[in-house]
Amino acid sequence: MPMSSSRSLSLAAALLLAGGAAAGAQGTGHFTLTSPDIRPGATLALKNVANVMGCPGQNVSPALQWSGAPAGTKSFVVTTYDPDAPTGSGFWHWVVYNIPANTTSLPAGAGDPKGHALPAGATQGNTDLAQPGYLGPCPPQGDKPHRYIFTVYALKVPKLELPANATAAYVGFNVHANQLAKATLTGKWGR
């Protein structure tokens, strides 16, 4: 049965509005994440690789810079995630929350366990090794290169009310409830 032209126009308008709202919520506009240390899709530098479990890196978190956060941004969260880890659920390498809204970058090394180079008020959650700070890539020997997804989230709240050393899952639950936009940058590393 054919729809009336006014009903199909209403349906088309609703679909366009829903699509536009979804695009804005996903941060597909001009919110971007870059790094002088990471070329998109390229191999990460040895300085950013872990120095545990036989990996030969220096475990220095890369410098990150973001721009174009949406209006209404009141704080940021930065994460690093390996979806290729052989765990069944990936592996969280870095979680930083409560980054003030006037922050647009983190310097190289900001992910040291004590967080000395983080902006005032920022807190590091636990990696999947159950400790705070940046943990560089260290995939199993012989695996294909893993992807390391660095993400910055713009949030509509000034602070996530979480305990220190919160897990990535707990932070993620709160991020997704308060997210305005996100931007990602992916590097790779294997051995």
N, C-alpha and C. Protein backbone atom coordinates (compact mmCIF):
# COMPACT_ATOMS: atom_id res chain seq x y z
N MET A 1 0.85 -1.17 0.00
CA MET A 1 0.00 0.00 0.00
C MET A 1 0.89 1.24 0.00
N PRO A 2 0.77 2.16 -0.98
CA PRO A 2 1.61 3.34 -1.05
C PRO A 2 1.29 4.33 0.06
N MET A 3 2.35 5.02 0.53
CA MET A 3 2.17 6.04 1.57
C MET A 3 1.75 7.35 0.91
N SER A 4 1.03 8.16 1.66
CA SER A 4 0.67 9.48 1.15
C SER A 4 1.93 10.31 1.06
N SER A 5 1.94 11.31 0.18
CA SER A 5 3.15 12.12 -0.01
C SER A 5 3.48 12.91 1.25
N SER A 6 2.50 13.38 2.00
CA SER A 6 2.80 14.13 3.22
C SER A 6 3.39 13.20 4.29
N ARG A 7 2.89 11.98 4.35
CA ARG A 7 3.43 11.02 5.34
C ARG A 7 4.86 10.65 4.97
N SER A 8 5.17 10.43 3.67
CA SER A 8 6.52 10.07 3.28
C SER A 8 7.47 11.24 3.48
N LEU A 9 6.99 12.48 3.30
CA LEU A 9 7.84 13.64 3.58
C LEU A 9 8.13 13.75 5.07
N SER A 10 7.13 13.50 5.90
CA SER A 10 7.33 13.53 7.35
C SER A 10 8.32 12.46 7.78
N LEU A 11 8.19 11.27 7.22
CA LEU A 11 9.10 10.17 7.54
C LEU A 11 10.52 10.53 7.10
N ALA A 12 10.67 11.08 5.91
CA ALA A 12 11.99 11.47 5.40
C ALA A 12 12.61 12.54 6.29
N ALA A 13 11.83 13.52 6.71
CA ALA A 13 12.34 14.59 7.58
C ALA A 13 12.78 14.02 8.92
N ALA A 14 12.00 13.10 9.48
CA ALA A 14 12.37 12.48 10.76
C ALA A 14 13.67 11.69 10.62
N LEU A 15 13.82 10.96 9.51
CA LEU A 15 15.05 10.19 9.30
C LEU A 15 16.26 11.11 9.15
N LEU A 16 16.11 12.22 8.45
CA LEU A 16 17.21 13.18 8.30
C LEU A 16 17.60 13.78 9.64
N LEU A 17 16.61 14.16 10.46
CA LEU A 17 16.90 14.71 11.78
C LEU A 17 17.60 13.69 12.66
N ALA A 18 17.12 12.46 12.64
CA ALA A 18 17.74 11.41 13.46
C ALA A 18 19.16 11.15 13.00
N GLY A 19 19.38 11.11 11.69
CA GLY A 19 20.73 10.90 11.17
C GLY A 19 21.66 12.04 11.53
N GLY A 20 21.20 13.27 11.47
CA GLY A 20 22.02 14.43 11.84
C GLY A 20 22.35 14.43 13.31
N ALA A 21 21.37 14.07 14.15
CA ALA A 21 21.62 14.01 15.59
C ALA A 21 22.62 12.91 15.90
N ALA A 22 22.48 11.77 15.24
CA ALA A 22 23.41 10.66 15.49
C ALA A 22 24.81 11.04 15.04
N ALA A 23 24.94 11.71 13.91
CA ALA A 23 26.26 12.11 13.43
C ALA A 23 26.91 13.07 14.40
N GLY A 24 26.16 14.02 14.92
CA GLY A 24 26.71 14.96 15.89
C GLY A 24 27.11 14.26 17.18
N ALA A 25 26.33 13.31 17.62
CA ALA A 25 26.64 12.60 18.86
C ALA A 25 27.89 11.75 18.73
N GLN A 26 28.19 11.29 17.53
CA GLN A 26 29.37 10.46 17.34
C GLN A 26 30.63 11.28 17.09
N GLY A 27 30.55 12.59 17.00
CA GLY A 27 31.74 13.41 16.82
C GLY A 27 32.28 13.36 15.40
N THR A 28 31.41 13.21 14.41
CA THR A 28 31.87 13.11 13.04
C THR A 28 32.15 14.47 12.43
N GLY A 29 32.00 15.54 13.20
CA GLY A 29 32.29 16.88 12.70
C GLY A 29 33.77 17.15 12.63
N HIS A 30 34.23 18.23 13.28
CA HIS A 30 35.61 18.66 13.18
C HIS A 30 36.44 18.35 14.41
N PHE A 31 35.96 17.54 15.31
CA PHE A 31 36.71 17.16 16.50
C PHE A 31 37.79 16.17 16.06
N THR A 32 39.05 16.54 16.25
CA THR A 32 40.14 15.70 15.76
C THR A 32 41.19 15.46 16.83
N LEU A 33 41.86 14.33 16.71
CA LEU A 33 42.96 13.94 17.58
C LEU A 33 44.19 13.71 16.71
N THR A 34 45.30 14.36 17.05
CA THR A 34 46.54 14.19 16.32
C THR A 34 47.68 13.98 17.31
N SER A 35 48.83 13.63 16.77
CA SER A 35 50.02 13.42 17.61
C SER A 35 51.26 13.63 16.78
N PRO A 36 52.26 14.33 17.34
CA PRO A 36 53.54 14.41 16.64
C PRO A 36 54.29 13.08 16.70
N ASP A 37 53.84 12.17 17.56
CA ASP A 37 54.51 10.88 17.76
C ASP A 37 53.87 9.73 17.00
N ILE A 38 52.65 9.91 16.47
CA ILE A 38 51.92 8.82 15.82
C ILE A 38 51.45 9.25 14.44
N ARG A 39 51.83 8.49 13.43
CA ARG A 39 51.25 8.68 12.09
C ARG A 39 50.08 7.72 11.97
N PRO A 40 48.92 8.18 11.56
CA PRO A 40 47.74 7.30 11.49
C PRO A 40 48.02 6.01 10.73
N GLY A 41 47.76 4.88 11.39
CA GLY A 41 47.91 3.57 10.77
C GLY A 41 49.33 3.05 10.71
N ALA A 42 50.32 3.85 11.13
CA ALA A 42 51.72 3.46 11.03
C ALA A 42 52.19 2.75 12.30
N THR A 43 53.37 2.18 12.23
CA THR A 43 53.98 1.50 13.37
C THR A 43 54.37 2.52 14.43
N LEU A 44 54.03 2.23 15.68
CA LEU A 44 54.39 3.11 16.79
C LEU A 44 55.89 3.07 17.03
N ALA A 45 56.44 4.18 17.49
CA ALA A 45 57.87 4.26 17.79
C ALA A 45 58.20 3.41 19.01
N LEU A 46 59.43 2.91 19.05
CA LEU A 46 59.87 2.06 20.15
C LEU A 46 59.75 2.77 21.50
N LYS A 47 59.90 4.10 21.51
CA LYS A 47 59.77 4.82 22.78
C LYS A 47 58.37 4.68 23.37
N ASN A 48 57.35 4.44 22.53
CA ASN A 48 55.97 4.31 23.00
C ASN A 48 55.56 2.87 23.31
N VAL A 49 56.47 1.92 23.11
CA VAL A 49 56.22 0.50 23.34
C VAL A 49 56.55 0.17 24.80
N ALA A 50 55.88 -0.83 25.34
CA ALA A 50 56.10 -1.26 26.73
C ALA A 50 57.51 -1.80 26.93
N ASN A 51 57.92 -1.82 28.19
CA ASN A 51 59.21 -2.41 28.55
C ASN A 51 58.99 -3.54 29.58
N VAL A 52 57.96 -4.33 29.33
CA VAL A 52 57.63 -5.49 30.19
C VAL A 52 57.44 -6.71 29.30
N MET A 53 57.41 -7.87 29.88
CA MET A 53 57.12 -9.13 29.19
C MET A 53 57.93 -9.31 27.91
N GLY A 54 59.19 -8.90 27.95
CA GLY A 54 60.07 -9.08 26.80
C GLY A 54 59.97 -8.01 25.73
N CYS A 55 59.14 -7.01 25.91
CA CYS A 55 59.04 -5.93 24.93
C CYS A 55 60.15 -4.90 25.19
N PRO A 56 60.78 -4.38 24.13
CA PRO A 56 61.99 -3.58 24.25
C PRO A 56 61.81 -2.07 24.29
N GLY A 57 60.61 -1.59 24.59
CA GLY A 57 60.35 -0.15 24.50
C GLY A 57 60.74 0.63 25.73
N GLN A 58 60.39 1.91 25.71
CA GLN A 58 60.66 2.82 26.82
C GLN A 58 59.40 3.16 27.62
N ASN A 59 58.24 2.73 27.13
CA ASN A 59 56.96 2.92 27.80
C ASN A 59 56.62 4.39 28.06
N VAL A 60 56.88 5.24 27.09
CA VAL A 60 56.55 6.66 27.19
C VAL A 60 55.25 6.91 26.42
N SER A 61 54.27 7.45 27.10
CA SER A 61 53.01 7.76 26.41
C SER A 61 53.27 8.83 25.36
N PRO A 62 52.63 8.71 24.19
CA PRO A 62 52.84 9.70 23.13
C PRO A 62 52.17 11.04 23.45
N ALA A 63 52.71 12.08 22.87
CA ALA A 63 52.06 13.39 22.95
C ALA A 63 50.77 13.33 22.15
N LEU A 64 49.71 13.91 22.68
CA LEU A 64 48.41 13.93 22.00
C LEU A 64 47.89 15.36 21.97
N GLN A 65 47.24 15.72 20.87
CA GLN A 65 46.65 17.06 20.72
C GLN A 65 45.27 16.91 20.10
N TRP A 66 44.32 17.70 20.59
CA TRP A 66 42.98 17.65 20.00
C TRP A 66 42.46 19.06 19.78
N SER A 67 41.52 19.15 18.85
CA SER A 67 40.92 20.44 18.53
C SER A 67 39.50 20.21 18.02
N GLY A 68 38.72 21.29 18.04
CA GLY A 68 37.36 21.23 17.51
C GLY A 68 36.35 20.58 18.43
N ALA A 69 36.60 20.61 19.73
CA ALA A 69 35.62 20.04 20.67
C ALA A 69 34.29 20.78 20.53
N PRO A 70 33.19 20.06 20.66
CA PRO A 70 31.89 20.71 20.48
C PRO A 70 31.57 21.69 21.61
N ALA A 71 30.71 22.63 21.30
CA ALA A 71 30.22 23.56 22.31
C ALA A 71 29.60 22.76 23.44
N GLY A 72 29.79 23.22 24.65
CA GLY A 72 29.24 22.52 25.80
C GLY A 72 30.18 21.50 26.41
N THR A 73 31.37 21.33 25.83
CA THR A 73 32.35 20.40 26.40
C THR A 73 32.81 20.91 27.75
N LYS A 74 32.73 20.06 28.77
CA LYS A 74 33.13 20.46 30.12
C LYS A 74 34.30 19.66 30.67
N SER A 75 34.67 18.58 30.00
CA SER A 75 35.86 17.81 30.38
C SER A 75 36.17 16.82 29.27
N PHE A 76 37.34 16.16 29.41
CA PHE A 76 37.77 15.16 28.43
C PHE A 76 38.21 13.89 29.13
N VAL A 77 38.17 12.80 28.38
CA VAL A 77 38.72 11.51 28.79
C VAL A 77 39.60 11.04 27.63
N VAL A 78 40.76 10.46 27.96
CA VAL A 78 41.65 9.88 26.96
C VAL A 78 41.83 8.40 27.29
N THR A 79 41.73 7.55 26.27
CA THR A 79 41.95 6.11 26.46
C THR A 79 42.85 5.57 25.35
N THR A 80 43.48 4.44 25.64
CA THR A 80 44.20 3.66 24.63
C THR A 80 43.75 2.22 24.77
N TYR A 81 43.34 1.64 23.64
CA TYR A 81 42.72 0.31 23.65
C TYR A 81 43.28 -0.53 22.51
N ASP A 82 43.56 -1.81 22.81
CA ASP A 82 44.00 -2.78 21.81
C ASP A 82 42.87 -3.77 21.58
N PRO A 83 42.12 -3.64 20.46
CA PRO A 83 41.03 -4.57 20.20
C PRO A 83 41.50 -5.95 19.74
N ASP A 84 42.80 -6.07 19.42
CA ASP A 84 43.34 -7.32 18.88
C ASP A 84 43.97 -8.22 19.94
N ALA A 85 43.99 -7.79 21.18
CA ALA A 85 44.59 -8.59 22.25
C ALA A 85 43.85 -9.92 22.38
N PRO A 86 44.57 -11.01 22.61
CA PRO A 86 43.94 -12.33 22.67
C PRO A 86 43.29 -12.62 24.03
N THR A 87 42.38 -11.74 24.42
CA THR A 87 41.71 -11.87 25.71
C THR A 87 40.22 -12.15 25.57
N GLY A 88 39.68 -11.95 24.40
CA GLY A 88 38.24 -12.05 24.21
C GLY A 88 37.53 -10.73 24.46
N SER A 89 38.25 -9.77 25.06
CA SER A 89 37.64 -8.46 25.33
C SER A 89 38.59 -7.31 25.04
N GLY A 90 39.69 -7.57 24.33
CA GLY A 90 40.66 -6.51 24.06
C GLY A 90 41.49 -6.22 25.29
N PHE A 91 42.24 -5.10 25.26
CA PHE A 91 43.11 -4.76 26.38
C PHE A 91 43.20 -3.24 26.49
N TRP A 92 42.97 -2.72 27.69
CA TRP A 92 43.04 -1.28 27.95
C TRP A 92 44.45 -0.92 28.41
N HIS A 93 45.09 -0.02 27.67
CA HIS A 93 46.47 0.39 27.93
C HIS A 93 46.60 1.72 28.65
N TRP A 94 45.54 2.52 28.65
CA TRP A 94 45.63 3.83 29.31
C TRP A 94 44.23 4.40 29.46
N VAL A 95 43.95 4.96 30.61
CA VAL A 95 42.66 5.60 30.89
C VAL A 95 42.92 6.84 31.73
N VAL A 96 42.57 8.02 31.20
CA VAL A 96 42.71 9.27 31.95
C VAL A 96 41.38 10.00 31.90
N TYR A 97 40.85 10.36 33.05
CA TYR A 97 39.55 11.05 33.09
C TYR A 97 39.66 12.32 33.92
N ASN A 98 38.60 13.13 33.83
CA ASN A 98 38.54 14.44 34.51
C ASN A 98 39.62 15.39 34.01
N ILE A 99 39.89 15.34 32.72
CA ILE A 99 40.80 16.30 32.09
C ILE A 99 40.01 17.59 31.89
N PRO A 100 40.50 18.71 32.41
CA PRO A 100 39.74 19.97 32.33
C PRO A 100 39.43 20.39 30.88
N ALA A 101 38.32 21.07 30.72
CA ALA A 101 37.84 21.48 29.40
C ALA A 101 38.77 22.44 28.67
N ASN A 102 39.63 23.16 29.40
CA ASN A 102 40.55 24.10 28.73
C ASN A 102 41.83 23.40 28.26
N THR A 103 41.92 22.10 28.42
CA THR A 103 43.08 21.32 27.98
C THR A 103 42.88 20.89 26.53
N THR A 104 43.93 21.04 25.72
CA THR A 104 43.86 20.61 24.32
C THR A 104 45.01 19.69 23.94
N SER A 105 45.81 19.28 24.94
CA SER A 105 46.91 18.37 24.64
C SER A 105 47.43 17.72 25.91
N LEU A 106 48.12 16.61 25.72
CA LEU A 106 48.89 15.96 26.77
C LEU A 106 50.30 15.80 26.23
N PRO A 107 51.31 16.15 27.02
CA PRO A 107 52.68 16.01 26.52
C PRO A 107 53.14 14.55 26.53
N ALA A 108 54.17 14.25 25.77
CA ALA A 108 54.78 12.92 25.82
C ALA A 108 55.17 12.64 27.27
N GLY A 109 54.92 11.43 27.72
CA GLY A 109 55.26 11.04 29.08
C GLY A 109 54.21 11.38 30.12
N ALA A 110 53.09 11.98 29.72
CA ALA A 110 52.04 12.34 30.68
C ALA A 110 51.46 11.12 31.37
N GLY A 111 51.64 9.95 30.78
CA GLY A 111 51.07 8.73 31.34
C GLY A 111 51.95 8.00 32.33
N ASP A 112 52.95 8.69 32.90
CA ASP A 112 53.74 8.00 33.92
C ASP A 112 52.80 7.64 35.07
N PRO A 113 53.09 6.59 35.82
CA PRO A 113 52.15 6.11 36.84
C PRO A 113 51.72 7.17 37.86
N LYS A 114 52.58 8.14 38.15
CA LYS A 114 52.23 9.19 39.11
C LYS A 114 51.47 10.34 38.45
N GLY A 115 51.45 10.40 37.12
CA GLY A 115 50.69 11.42 36.41
C GLY A 115 51.20 12.83 36.61
N HIS A 116 52.49 13.01 36.84
CA HIS A 116 53.06 14.33 37.12
C HIS A 116 52.82 15.35 36.00
N ALA A 117 52.77 14.89 34.75
CA ALA A 117 52.61 15.83 33.63
C ALA A 117 51.15 16.00 33.20
N LEU A 118 50.23 15.40 33.95
CA LEU A 118 48.81 15.57 33.62
C LEU A 118 48.31 16.91 34.16
N PRO A 119 47.28 17.49 33.54
CA PRO A 119 46.72 18.73 34.06
C PRO A 119 46.12 18.52 35.45
N ALA A 120 46.09 19.57 36.24
CA ALA A 120 45.50 19.49 37.59
C ALA A 120 44.08 18.97 37.50
N GLY A 121 43.76 18.02 38.36
CA GLY A 121 42.42 17.44 38.41
C GLY A 121 42.26 16.16 37.61
N ALA A 122 43.14 15.92 36.63
CA ALA A 122 43.03 14.70 35.83
C ALA A 122 43.44 13.49 36.66
N THR A 123 42.77 12.36 36.42
CA THR A 123 43.01 11.13 37.17
C THR A 123 43.22 9.98 36.20
N GLN A 124 44.18 9.11 36.50
CA GLN A 124 44.41 7.93 35.68
C GLN A 124 43.70 6.73 36.30
N GLY A 125 42.93 6.05 35.47
CA GLY A 125 42.32 4.80 35.88
C GLY A 125 43.31 3.66 35.69
N ASN A 126 42.90 2.47 36.04
CA ASN A 126 43.76 1.31 35.90
C ASN A 126 43.75 0.76 34.48
N THR A 127 44.91 0.30 34.04
CA THR A 127 45.02 -0.46 32.81
C THR A 127 44.52 -1.87 33.10
N ASP A 128 44.56 -2.73 32.11
CA ASP A 128 44.17 -4.12 32.35
C ASP A 128 45.25 -4.92 33.07
N LEU A 129 46.35 -4.27 33.46
CA LEU A 129 47.31 -4.88 34.37
C LEU A 129 47.04 -4.44 35.80
N ALA A 130 45.88 -3.81 36.03
CA ALA A 130 45.42 -3.39 37.36
C ALA A 130 46.32 -2.36 38.01
N GLN A 131 46.85 -1.44 37.17
CA GLN A 131 47.65 -0.35 37.72
C GLN A 131 47.45 0.89 36.87
N PRO A 132 47.58 2.07 37.47
CA PRO A 132 47.39 3.31 36.71
C PRO A 132 48.60 3.62 35.85
N GLY A 133 48.38 4.50 34.88
CA GLY A 133 49.46 4.96 34.01
C GLY A 133 49.37 4.30 32.65
N TYR A 134 50.20 4.80 31.76
CA TYR A 134 50.26 4.30 30.39
C TYR A 134 51.04 2.99 30.36
N LEU A 135 50.52 2.01 29.64
CA LEU A 135 51.21 0.76 29.38
C LEU A 135 51.30 0.63 27.87
N GLY A 136 52.50 0.74 27.33
CA GLY A 136 52.68 0.68 25.88
C GLY A 136 52.36 -0.68 25.30
N PRO A 137 52.34 -0.76 23.98
CA PRO A 137 52.06 -2.01 23.29
C PRO A 137 53.05 -3.12 23.65
N CYS A 138 52.55 -4.32 23.76
CA CYS A 138 53.39 -5.51 23.98
C CYS A 138 52.58 -6.74 23.60
N PRO A 139 52.26 -6.89 22.30
CA PRO A 139 51.47 -8.05 21.89
C PRO A 139 52.30 -9.33 21.97
N PRO A 140 51.65 -10.48 21.96
CA PRO A 140 52.39 -11.74 21.99
C PRO A 140 53.33 -11.87 20.79
N GLN A 141 54.47 -12.50 21.04
CA GLN A 141 55.45 -12.77 19.99
C GLN A 141 54.77 -13.57 18.87
N GLY A 142 54.96 -13.14 17.63
CA GLY A 142 54.42 -13.85 16.48
C GLY A 142 53.01 -13.45 16.07
N ASP A 143 52.29 -12.68 16.90
CA ASP A 143 50.98 -12.18 16.48
C ASP A 143 51.15 -11.17 15.35
N LYS A 144 50.12 -11.02 14.55
CA LYS A 144 50.13 -9.93 13.57
C LYS A 144 50.18 -8.62 14.35
N PRO A 145 50.62 -7.53 13.75
CA PRO A 145 50.63 -6.25 14.48
C PRO A 145 49.24 -5.92 15.01
N HIS A 146 49.20 -5.49 16.26
CA HIS A 146 47.95 -5.10 16.90
C HIS A 146 47.69 -3.62 16.62
N ARG A 147 46.40 -3.25 16.68
CA ARG A 147 45.99 -1.85 16.56
C ARG A 147 45.88 -1.25 17.96
N TYR A 148 46.38 -0.03 18.11
CA TYR A 148 46.30 0.69 19.38
C TYR A 148 45.51 1.96 19.10
N ILE A 149 44.29 2.01 19.63
CA ILE A 149 43.36 3.09 19.33
C ILE A 149 43.40 4.10 20.47
N PHE A 150 43.92 5.28 20.17
CA PHE A 150 43.94 6.40 21.11
C PHE A 150 42.67 7.19 20.85
N THR A 151 41.91 7.45 21.91
CA THR A 151 40.63 8.15 21.76
C THR A 151 40.54 9.27 22.78
N VAL A 152 40.05 10.43 22.33
CA VAL A 152 39.71 11.50 23.25
C VAL A 152 38.20 11.69 23.16
N TYR A 153 37.56 11.74 24.32
CA TYR A 153 36.12 11.94 24.42
C TYR A 153 35.86 13.32 24.99
N ALA A 154 34.94 14.07 24.39
CA ALA A 154 34.46 15.34 24.93
C ALA A 154 33.19 15.03 25.72
N LEU A 155 33.17 15.46 26.98
CA LEU A 155 32.03 15.15 27.85
C LEU A 155 31.23 16.40 28.20
N LYS A 156 29.96 16.19 28.53
CA LYS A 156 29.06 17.28 28.90
C LYS A 156 29.06 17.55 30.40
N VAL A 157 29.89 16.85 31.15
CA VAL A 157 29.99 17.05 32.61
C VAL A 157 31.42 17.47 32.96
N PRO A 158 31.59 18.31 33.99
CA PRO A 158 32.93 18.75 34.35
C PRO A 158 33.78 17.69 35.02
N LYS A 159 33.12 16.66 35.58
CA LYS A 159 33.87 15.65 36.30
C LYS A 159 33.08 14.35 36.37
N LEU A 160 33.79 13.23 36.20
CA LEU A 160 33.18 11.93 36.45
C LEU A 160 33.45 11.59 37.90
N GLU A 161 32.40 11.33 38.64
CA GLU A 161 32.54 11.01 40.07
C GLU A 161 32.92 9.55 40.22
N LEU A 162 34.21 9.27 40.05
CA LEU A 162 34.72 7.91 40.10
C LEU A 162 35.87 7.83 41.10
N PRO A 163 36.10 6.65 41.65
CA PRO A 163 37.24 6.51 42.55
C PRO A 163 38.55 6.54 41.77
N ALA A 164 39.65 6.87 42.44
CA ALA A 164 40.96 6.78 41.81
C ALA A 164 41.17 5.33 41.39
N ASN A 165 41.89 5.16 40.31
CA ASN A 165 42.19 3.82 39.78
C ASN A 165 40.95 3.06 39.32
N ALA A 166 39.92 3.77 38.88
CA ALA A 166 38.73 3.11 38.35
C ALA A 166 39.12 2.25 37.15
N THR A 167 38.38 1.18 36.93
CA THR A 167 38.65 0.32 35.77
C THR A 167 38.19 1.01 34.49
N ALA A 168 38.76 0.55 33.38
CA ALA A 168 38.37 1.11 32.08
C ALA A 168 36.89 0.89 31.80
N ALA A 169 36.35 -0.25 32.20
CA ALA A 169 34.93 -0.52 31.98
C ALA A 169 34.05 0.45 32.76
N TYR A 170 34.44 0.75 33.99
CA TYR A 170 33.67 1.68 34.81
C TYR A 170 33.75 3.09 34.24
N VAL A 171 34.95 3.48 33.81
CA VAL A 171 35.10 4.79 33.18
C VAL A 171 34.29 4.83 31.89
N GLY A 172 34.40 3.77 31.08
CA GLY A 172 33.67 3.72 29.81
C GLY A 172 32.18 3.84 29.97
N PHE A 173 31.61 3.18 30.97
CA PHE A 173 30.18 3.28 31.22
C PHE A 173 29.78 4.74 31.46
N ASN A 174 30.56 5.44 32.26
CA ASN A 174 30.28 6.84 32.57
C ASN A 174 30.56 7.76 31.40
N VAL A 175 31.57 7.44 30.61
CA VAL A 175 31.87 8.22 29.41
C VAL A 175 30.69 8.15 28.45
N HIS A 176 30.23 6.97 28.16
CA HIS A 176 29.17 6.82 27.17
C HIS A 176 27.86 7.46 27.61
N ALA A 177 27.65 7.60 28.90
CA ALA A 177 26.46 8.28 29.40
C ALA A 177 26.57 9.79 29.29
N ASN A 178 27.80 10.31 29.09
CA ASN A 178 28.02 11.76 29.10
C ASN A 178 28.76 12.28 27.88
N GLN A 179 28.91 11.49 26.86
CA GLN A 179 29.71 11.82 25.69
C GLN A 179 29.01 12.79 24.74
N LEU A 180 29.74 13.83 24.34
CA LEU A 180 29.27 14.73 23.29
C LEU A 180 29.88 14.35 21.94
N ALA A 181 31.15 13.95 21.96
CA ALA A 181 31.86 13.60 20.73
C ALA A 181 33.11 12.81 21.09
N LYS A 182 33.70 12.17 20.06
CA LYS A 182 34.97 11.49 20.26
C LYS A 182 35.80 11.61 18.99
N ALA A 183 37.11 11.50 19.16
CA ALA A 183 38.04 11.51 18.04
C ALA A 183 39.08 10.44 18.31
N THR A 184 39.52 9.74 17.27
CA THR A 184 40.46 8.64 17.45
C THR A 184 41.68 8.77 16.54
N LEU A 185 42.72 8.08 16.95
CA LEU A 185 43.97 7.99 16.20
C LEU A 185 44.52 6.60 16.46
N THR A 186 44.84 5.85 15.40
CA THR A 186 45.27 4.47 15.56
C THR A 186 46.68 4.27 15.04
N GLY A 187 47.51 3.62 15.87
CA GLY A 187 48.84 3.18 15.47
C GLY A 187 48.89 1.67 15.61
N LYS A 188 49.99 1.05 15.10
CA LYS A 188 50.13 -0.41 15.16
C LYS A 188 51.49 -0.78 15.73
N TRP A 189 51.56 -1.97 16.27
CA TRP A 189 52.85 -2.52 16.68
C TRP A 189 52.75 -4.02 16.82
N GLY A 190 53.79 -4.72 16.41
CA GLY A 190 53.85 -6.16 16.53
C GLY A 190 55.28 -6.60 16.71
N ARG A 191 55.44 -7.88 17.07
CA ARG A 191 56.80 -8.42 17.23
C ARG A 191 56.82 -9.89 16.86
